[in-house]
Structure formats: structure tokens, C-alpha cells
């Protein structure tokens, strides 16, 4: 991440660079390799897991959370998407 030095470690450009890097390397890689068609769901799962680091939860509780946000997803889909993220070393489940 040497490019951050070129941005003089300015807050907004650095955040944008890291966000773009994350999206292009991780999410698009996971998307293409596993032929995920519901990218929004994948992004919500990743956001939930990252926001709840250190909290114990299951795919069922995550499905209930998504339902409260008017998004439906089966626990099996959540488990599969989580497995794909683990295979890409995005997080450890």
C-alpha cells in the first residue's frame, strides 16, 4: 500500500483508495470466482461481519437481521457467501 504515501496520507483520498482496492480485489474476485449474482447481499454480509467483529452470531441470526432490513436470504445462501469470503481470506468464520 505504498500508494498511500503518494496521497500524503490525506484522510478522504486514502479512504477512497482503500475502498476501491477492497472492492476490486476482494469483492469482485469473490463475485466472479463463485458466480454470485446477488452482489448487494454479499456486500451486506461482509459489512455485517466486519461491523460485528468479536460478536458470536450464526447464519440464522444474520438472516433474521437481513429480514429486519427488508432483505430476505436463506441461511444456506449466507453460509455459502461466508464460505466464499473465507476462501478469499477476507475473514475467518
N, C-alpha and C. Protein backbone atom coordinates (compact mmCIF):
# COMPACT_ATOMS: atom_id res chain seq x y z
N UNK A 1 0.81 -1.18 0.00
CA UNK A 1 0.00 0.00 0.00
C UNK A 1 0.87 1.26 0.00
N UNK A 2 1.90 1.18 -0.77
CA UNK A 2 2.81 2.30 -0.88
C UNK A 2 2.16 3.52 -1.51
N UNK A 3 1.10 3.30 -2.26
CA UNK A 3 0.43 4.40 -2.93
C UNK A 3 -0.13 5.41 -1.94
N UNK A 4 -0.42 4.99 -0.74
CA UNK A 4 -0.95 5.91 0.27
C UNK A 4 0.02 7.05 0.55
N UNK A 5 1.31 6.79 0.44
CA UNK A 5 2.31 7.84 0.64
C UNK A 5 2.17 8.90 -0.46
N UNK A 6 1.82 8.46 -1.67
CA UNK A 6 1.61 9.43 -2.76
C UNK A 6 0.42 10.33 -2.50
N UNK A 7 -0.50 9.85 -1.68
CA UNK A 7 -1.68 10.66 -1.35
C UNK A 7 -1.43 11.52 -0.12
N UNK A 8 -0.20 11.51 0.36
CA UNK A 8 0.20 12.29 1.55
C UNK A 8 -0.66 11.93 2.76
N UNK A 9 -1.16 10.73 2.77
CA UNK A 9 -1.96 10.21 3.88
C UNK A 9 -3.17 11.11 4.21
N UNK A 10 -3.66 11.80 3.21
CA UNK A 10 -4.86 12.62 3.39
C UNK A 10 -6.05 11.68 3.63
N UNK A 11 -6.90 12.05 4.54
CA UNK A 11 -7.96 11.16 5.00
C UNK A 11 -8.91 10.71 3.88
N UNK A 12 -9.54 11.62 3.21
CA UNK A 12 -10.56 11.27 2.21
C UNK A 12 -9.97 10.48 1.02
N UNK A 13 -8.85 10.95 0.42
CA UNK A 13 -8.30 10.17 -0.70
C UNK A 13 -7.83 8.78 -0.28
N UNK A 14 -7.27 8.67 0.91
CA UNK A 14 -6.81 7.37 1.38
C UNK A 14 -7.98 6.42 1.60
N UNK A 15 -9.06 6.92 2.18
CA UNK A 15 -10.24 6.08 2.38
C UNK A 15 -10.81 5.62 1.05
N UNK A 16 -10.85 6.53 0.08
CA UNK A 16 -11.37 6.17 -1.23
C UNK A 16 -10.48 5.13 -1.90
N UNK A 17 -9.18 5.31 -1.81
CA UNK A 17 -8.23 4.35 -2.39
C UNK A 17 -8.41 2.97 -1.76
N UNK A 18 -8.49 2.90 -0.44
CA UNK A 18 -8.65 1.62 0.25
C UNK A 18 -10.00 0.99 -0.07
N UNK A 19 -11.04 1.80 -0.18
CA UNK A 19 -12.36 1.30 -0.55
C UNK A 19 -12.34 0.69 -1.95
N UNK A 20 -11.74 1.41 -2.90
CA UNK A 20 -11.64 0.91 -4.27
C UNK A 20 -10.80 -0.36 -4.34
N UNK A 21 -9.72 -0.39 -3.60
CA UNK A 21 -8.85 -1.57 -3.56
C UNK A 21 -9.62 -2.76 -3.01
N UNK A 22 -10.33 -2.56 -1.93
CA UNK A 22 -11.13 -3.62 -1.33
C UNK A 22 -12.15 -4.14 -2.33
N UNK A 23 -12.87 -3.23 -2.98
CA UNK A 23 -13.90 -3.65 -3.93
C UNK A 23 -13.33 -4.39 -5.13
N UNK A 24 -12.25 -3.91 -5.67
CA UNK A 24 -11.72 -4.53 -6.88
C UNK A 24 -11.03 -5.85 -6.59
N UNK A 25 -10.30 -5.93 -5.52
CA UNK A 25 -9.55 -7.14 -5.25
C UNK A 25 -10.41 -8.20 -4.59
N UNK A 26 -11.11 -7.83 -3.54
CA UNK A 26 -11.83 -8.82 -2.77
C UNK A 26 -13.21 -9.13 -3.33
N UNK A 27 -14.07 -8.14 -3.34
CA UNK A 27 -15.46 -8.43 -3.70
C UNK A 27 -15.60 -8.90 -5.15
N UNK A 28 -14.94 -8.24 -6.07
CA UNK A 28 -15.07 -8.66 -7.47
C UNK A 28 -14.45 -10.02 -7.70
N UNK A 29 -13.37 -10.32 -6.98
CA UNK A 29 -12.75 -11.64 -7.08
C UNK A 29 -13.71 -12.71 -6.57
N UNK A 30 -14.30 -12.46 -5.43
CA UNK A 30 -15.26 -13.41 -4.85
C UNK A 30 -16.47 -13.57 -5.77
N UNK A 31 -16.94 -12.44 -6.26
CA UNK A 31 -18.09 -12.42 -7.17
C UNK A 31 -17.87 -13.28 -8.40
N UNK A 32 -16.79 -13.03 -9.09
CA UNK A 32 -16.51 -13.71 -10.36
C UNK A 32 -16.18 -15.18 -10.17
N UNK A 33 -15.35 -15.46 -9.17
CA UNK A 33 -14.92 -16.83 -8.97
C UNK A 33 -16.08 -17.74 -8.59
N UNK A 34 -17.01 -17.22 -7.84
CA UNK A 34 -18.12 -18.05 -7.35
C UNK A 34 -19.44 -17.76 -8.04
N UNK A 35 -19.40 -16.92 -9.05
CA UNK A 35 -20.59 -16.60 -9.86
C UNK A 35 -21.76 -16.15 -8.98
N UNK A 36 -21.48 -15.19 -8.11
CA UNK A 36 -22.51 -14.65 -7.23
C UNK A 36 -23.32 -13.64 -8.00
N UNK A 37 -24.64 -13.83 -7.99
CA UNK A 37 -25.50 -12.91 -8.75
C UNK A 37 -26.08 -11.83 -7.86
N UNK A 38 -26.15 -12.06 -6.56
CA UNK A 38 -26.71 -11.06 -5.64
C UNK A 38 -25.56 -10.36 -4.90
N UNK A 39 -24.95 -9.42 -5.56
CA UNK A 39 -23.79 -8.72 -5.03
C UNK A 39 -24.17 -7.86 -3.82
N UNK A 40 -25.35 -7.29 -3.85
CA UNK A 40 -25.80 -6.48 -2.72
C UNK A 40 -25.86 -7.32 -1.45
N UNK A 41 -26.34 -8.52 -1.55
CA UNK A 41 -26.40 -9.41 -0.39
C UNK A 41 -24.99 -9.71 0.12
N UNK A 42 -24.08 -10.01 -0.78
CA UNK A 42 -22.69 -10.27 -0.39
C UNK A 42 -22.11 -9.07 0.34
N UNK A 43 -22.33 -7.88 -0.18
CA UNK A 43 -21.80 -6.67 0.46
C UNK A 43 -22.41 -6.47 1.84
N UNK A 44 -23.70 -6.78 1.99
CA UNK A 44 -24.35 -6.64 3.30
C UNK A 44 -23.80 -7.65 4.30
N UNK A 45 -23.56 -8.86 3.83
CA UNK A 45 -22.98 -9.89 4.71
C UNK A 45 -21.60 -9.46 5.18
N UNK A 46 -20.78 -9.01 4.25
CA UNK A 46 -19.42 -8.57 4.60
C UNK A 46 -19.48 -7.39 5.57
N UNK A 47 -20.35 -6.43 5.30
CA UNK A 47 -20.47 -5.27 6.19
C UNK A 47 -20.91 -5.70 7.58
N UNK A 48 -21.85 -6.62 7.66
CA UNK A 48 -22.34 -7.09 8.95
C UNK A 48 -21.23 -7.79 9.73
N UNK A 49 -20.52 -8.68 9.06
CA UNK A 49 -19.46 -9.42 9.74
C UNK A 49 -18.36 -8.48 10.22
N UNK A 50 -17.97 -7.54 9.40
CA UNK A 50 -16.93 -6.59 9.77
C UNK A 50 -17.39 -5.69 10.92
N UNK A 51 -18.64 -5.27 10.88
CA UNK A 51 -19.16 -4.40 11.93
C UNK A 51 -19.34 -5.13 13.26
N UNK A 52 -19.44 -6.45 13.21
CA UNK A 52 -19.69 -7.23 14.42
C UNK A 52 -18.53 -8.15 14.76
N UNK A 53 -17.34 -7.70 14.51
CA UNK A 53 -16.15 -8.48 14.85
C UNK A 53 -16.15 -8.73 16.35
N UNK A 54 -15.91 -9.95 16.72
CA UNK A 54 -15.87 -10.29 18.14
C UNK A 54 -17.22 -10.69 18.70
N UNK A 55 -18.26 -10.60 17.91
CA UNK A 55 -19.59 -10.99 18.34
C UNK A 55 -19.92 -12.37 17.77
N UNK A 56 -20.47 -13.22 18.60
CA UNK A 56 -20.88 -14.53 18.13
C UNK A 56 -22.24 -14.42 17.45
N UNK A 57 -22.34 -14.97 16.25
CA UNK A 57 -23.62 -14.99 15.54
C UNK A 57 -23.62 -16.18 14.60
N UNK A 58 -24.78 -16.50 14.09
CA UNK A 58 -24.92 -17.62 13.17
C UNK A 58 -25.53 -17.12 11.87
N UNK A 59 -25.57 -18.01 10.90
CA UNK A 59 -26.19 -17.62 9.63
C UNK A 59 -27.68 -17.37 9.82
N UNK A 60 -28.30 -18.05 10.79
CA UNK A 60 -29.72 -17.83 11.07
C UNK A 60 -29.95 -16.45 11.66
N UNK A 61 -29.10 -16.05 12.59
CA UNK A 61 -29.26 -14.71 13.18
C UNK A 61 -28.97 -13.63 12.15
N UNK A 62 -28.03 -13.90 11.26
CA UNK A 62 -27.75 -12.94 10.19
C UNK A 62 -28.93 -12.85 9.23
N UNK A 63 -29.57 -13.98 8.95
CA UNK A 63 -30.77 -13.98 8.09
C UNK A 63 -31.89 -13.17 8.75
N UNK A 64 -32.04 -13.29 10.06
CA UNK A 64 -33.07 -12.51 10.77
C UNK A 64 -32.74 -11.02 10.71
N UNK A 65 -31.45 -10.68 10.86
CA UNK A 65 -31.04 -9.28 10.76
C UNK A 65 -31.36 -8.73 9.37
N UNK A 66 -31.03 -9.49 8.34
CA UNK A 66 -31.30 -9.03 6.98
C UNK A 66 -32.80 -8.89 6.74
N UNK A 67 -33.58 -9.78 7.34
CA UNK A 67 -35.03 -9.68 7.21
C UNK A 67 -35.55 -8.40 7.84
N UNK A 68 -34.93 -7.99 8.94
CA UNK A 68 -35.34 -6.74 9.59
C UNK A 68 -35.01 -5.52 8.72
N UNK A 69 -34.08 -5.70 7.79
CA UNK A 69 -33.74 -4.64 6.83
C UNK A 69 -34.46 -4.83 5.50
N UNK A 70 -35.54 -5.61 5.50
CA UNK A 70 -36.34 -5.90 4.31
C UNK A 70 -35.52 -6.60 3.21
N UNK A 71 -34.56 -7.42 3.61
CA UNK A 71 -33.79 -8.25 2.67
C UNK A 71 -33.97 -9.69 3.08
N UNK A 72 -34.37 -10.53 2.17
CA UNK A 72 -34.52 -11.94 2.51
C UNK A 72 -33.36 -12.73 1.94
N UNK A 73 -32.88 -13.64 2.75
CA UNK A 73 -31.81 -14.53 2.32
C UNK A 73 -31.89 -15.78 3.17
N UNK A 74 -31.71 -16.90 2.54
CA UNK A 74 -31.76 -18.15 3.30
C UNK A 74 -30.45 -18.33 4.06
N UNK A 75 -30.51 -19.01 5.18
CA UNK A 75 -29.26 -19.29 5.92
C UNK A 75 -28.22 -20.03 5.07
N UNK A 76 -28.69 -20.89 4.15
CA UNK A 76 -27.76 -21.61 3.29
C UNK A 76 -27.00 -20.64 2.36
N UNK A 77 -27.70 -19.68 1.81
CA UNK A 77 -27.05 -18.67 0.95
C UNK A 77 -26.03 -17.87 1.75
N UNK A 78 -26.41 -17.48 2.95
CA UNK A 78 -25.49 -16.72 3.81
C UNK A 78 -24.27 -17.55 4.14
N UNK A 79 -24.48 -18.83 4.44
CA UNK A 79 -23.37 -19.72 4.75
C UNK A 79 -22.45 -19.88 3.55
N UNK A 80 -23.02 -20.03 2.36
CA UNK A 80 -22.20 -20.17 1.15
C UNK A 80 -21.40 -18.89 0.88
N UNK A 81 -22.06 -17.74 0.96
CA UNK A 81 -21.35 -16.48 0.73
C UNK A 81 -20.25 -16.27 1.75
N UNK A 82 -20.51 -16.65 2.98
CA UNK A 82 -19.49 -16.53 4.03
C UNK A 82 -18.32 -17.46 3.75
N UNK A 83 -18.63 -18.64 3.28
CA UNK A 83 -17.57 -19.60 2.93
C UNK A 83 -16.70 -19.04 1.81
N UNK A 84 -17.31 -18.42 0.83
CA UNK A 84 -16.54 -17.82 -0.27
C UNK A 84 -15.62 -16.73 0.24
N UNK A 85 -16.10 -15.94 1.19
CA UNK A 85 -15.27 -14.87 1.78
C UNK A 85 -14.10 -15.46 2.56
N UNK A 86 -14.35 -16.54 3.23
CA UNK A 86 -13.27 -17.21 3.97
C UNK A 86 -12.23 -17.77 3.01
N UNK A 87 -12.68 -18.35 1.92
CA UNK A 87 -11.76 -18.90 0.92
C UNK A 87 -10.89 -17.81 0.30
N UNK A 88 -11.41 -16.59 0.23
CA UNK A 88 -10.66 -15.46 -0.31
C UNK A 88 -9.85 -14.74 0.78
N UNK A 89 -9.86 -15.30 1.98
CA UNK A 89 -9.14 -14.73 3.13
C UNK A 89 -9.64 -13.34 3.51
N UNK A 90 -10.89 -13.08 3.24
CA UNK A 90 -11.48 -11.80 3.64
C UNK A 90 -11.76 -11.82 5.14
N UNK A 91 -12.26 -12.92 5.63
CA UNK A 91 -12.41 -13.11 7.07
C UNK A 91 -12.41 -14.59 7.40
N UNK A 92 -12.29 -14.88 8.68
CA UNK A 92 -12.24 -16.25 9.17
C UNK A 92 -13.52 -16.53 9.92
N UNK A 93 -14.25 -17.56 9.54
CA UNK A 93 -15.54 -17.84 10.15
C UNK A 93 -15.38 -18.99 11.10
